[in-house]
């Protein structure tokens, strides 16, 4: 029953990482914000975007781990 939830969290994590990478090459997403901050040497914003991406990935991993333990 929780298998679709785990797959959804995995897909969300994948989409988050992909949006950062795709945005850097000019297609929008979180990477676009990151690239704009890098281009203007706005290092506090760069740090905040990177920390936000990291926090969301770690949160997704934690939720996924918790759900896997509950299933097994």
Protein backbone atom coordinates (compact mmCIF):
# COMPACT_ATOMS: atom_id res chain seq x y z
CA UNK A 1 0.00 0.00 0.00
CA UNK A 2 2.80 2.47 0.80
CA UNK A 3 4.82 1.48 -2.26
CA UNK A 4 3.27 4.29 -4.38
CA UNK A 5 4.15 6.76 -1.62
CA UNK A 6 7.80 5.68 -1.69
CA UNK A 7 7.87 5.92 -5.47
CA UNK A 8 6.30 9.37 -5.29
CA UNK A 9 8.92 10.59 -2.84
CA UNK A 10 11.68 9.15 -5.03
CA UNK A 11 10.22 10.90 -8.08
CA UNK A 12 9.94 14.19 -6.18
CA UNK A 13 13.60 13.90 -5.17
CA UNK A 14 14.58 13.13 -8.75
CA UNK A 15 12.58 16.08 -10.08
CA UNK A 16 14.18 18.43 -7.55
CA UNK A 17 17.69 17.41 -8.57
CA UNK A 18 16.82 17.54 -12.26
CA UNK A 19 15.32 21.03 -11.97
CA UNK A 20 18.58 22.29 -10.48
CA UNK A 21 20.68 20.76 -13.26
CA UNK A 22 18.35 21.67 -16.13
CA UNK A 23 18.02 25.26 -14.91
CA UNK A 24 21.76 25.80 -14.98
CA UNK A 25 21.79 25.05 -18.72
CA UNK A 26 18.99 27.56 -19.30
CA UNK A 27 15.69 25.69 -19.16
CA UNK A 28 14.25 27.13 -15.95
CA UNK A 29 13.69 25.57 -12.56
CA UNK A 30 15.75 25.99 -9.42
CA UNK A 31 18.95 26.01 -11.42
CA UNK A 32 17.87 29.20 -13.16
CA UNK A 33 17.69 30.98 -9.82
CA UNK A 34 21.02 29.46 -8.84
CA UNK A 35 22.69 30.46 -12.11
CA UNK A 36 21.34 34.02 -11.84
CA UNK A 37 22.76 34.35 -8.34
CA UNK A 38 26.13 32.98 -9.48
CA UNK A 39 26.23 35.35 -12.47
CA UNK A 40 25.67 38.38 -10.21
CA UNK A 41 28.11 37.13 -7.55
CA UNK A 42 25.30 37.11 -5.00
CA UNK A 43 26.95 34.50 -2.78
CA UNK A 44 24.44 34.68 0.09
CA UNK A 45 21.65 33.81 -2.36
CA UNK A 46 23.76 31.03 -3.91
CA UNK A 47 24.31 29.58 -0.45
CA UNK A 48 20.62 29.79 0.37
CA UNK A 49 19.54 28.08 -2.86
CA UNK A 50 22.10 25.29 -2.38
CA UNK A 51 21.11 24.83 1.26
CA UNK A 52 17.44 24.71 0.27
CA UNK A 53 18.11 22.06 -2.37
CA UNK A 54 20.19 20.08 0.12
CA UNK A 55 17.54 20.36 2.84
CA UNK A 56 14.78 19.19 0.50
CA UNK A 57 16.84 16.22 -0.68
CA UNK A 58 17.77 15.22 2.88
CA UNK A 59 14.14 15.61 3.99
CA UNK A 60 12.95 13.42 1.11
CA UNK A 61 15.55 10.78 1.96
CA UNK A 62 14.49 10.84 5.61
CA UNK A 63 10.81 10.43 4.80
CA UNK A 64 11.61 7.66 2.32
CA UNK A 65 13.77 5.85 4.91
CA UNK A 66 11.08 6.17 7.55
CA UNK A 67 8.41 4.79 5.25
CA UNK A 68 10.64 1.88 4.17
CA UNK A 69 11.19 0.93 7.83
CA UNK A 70 7.44 1.07 8.48
CA UNK A 71 6.72 -1.16 5.48
CA UNK A 72 9.32 -3.77 6.41
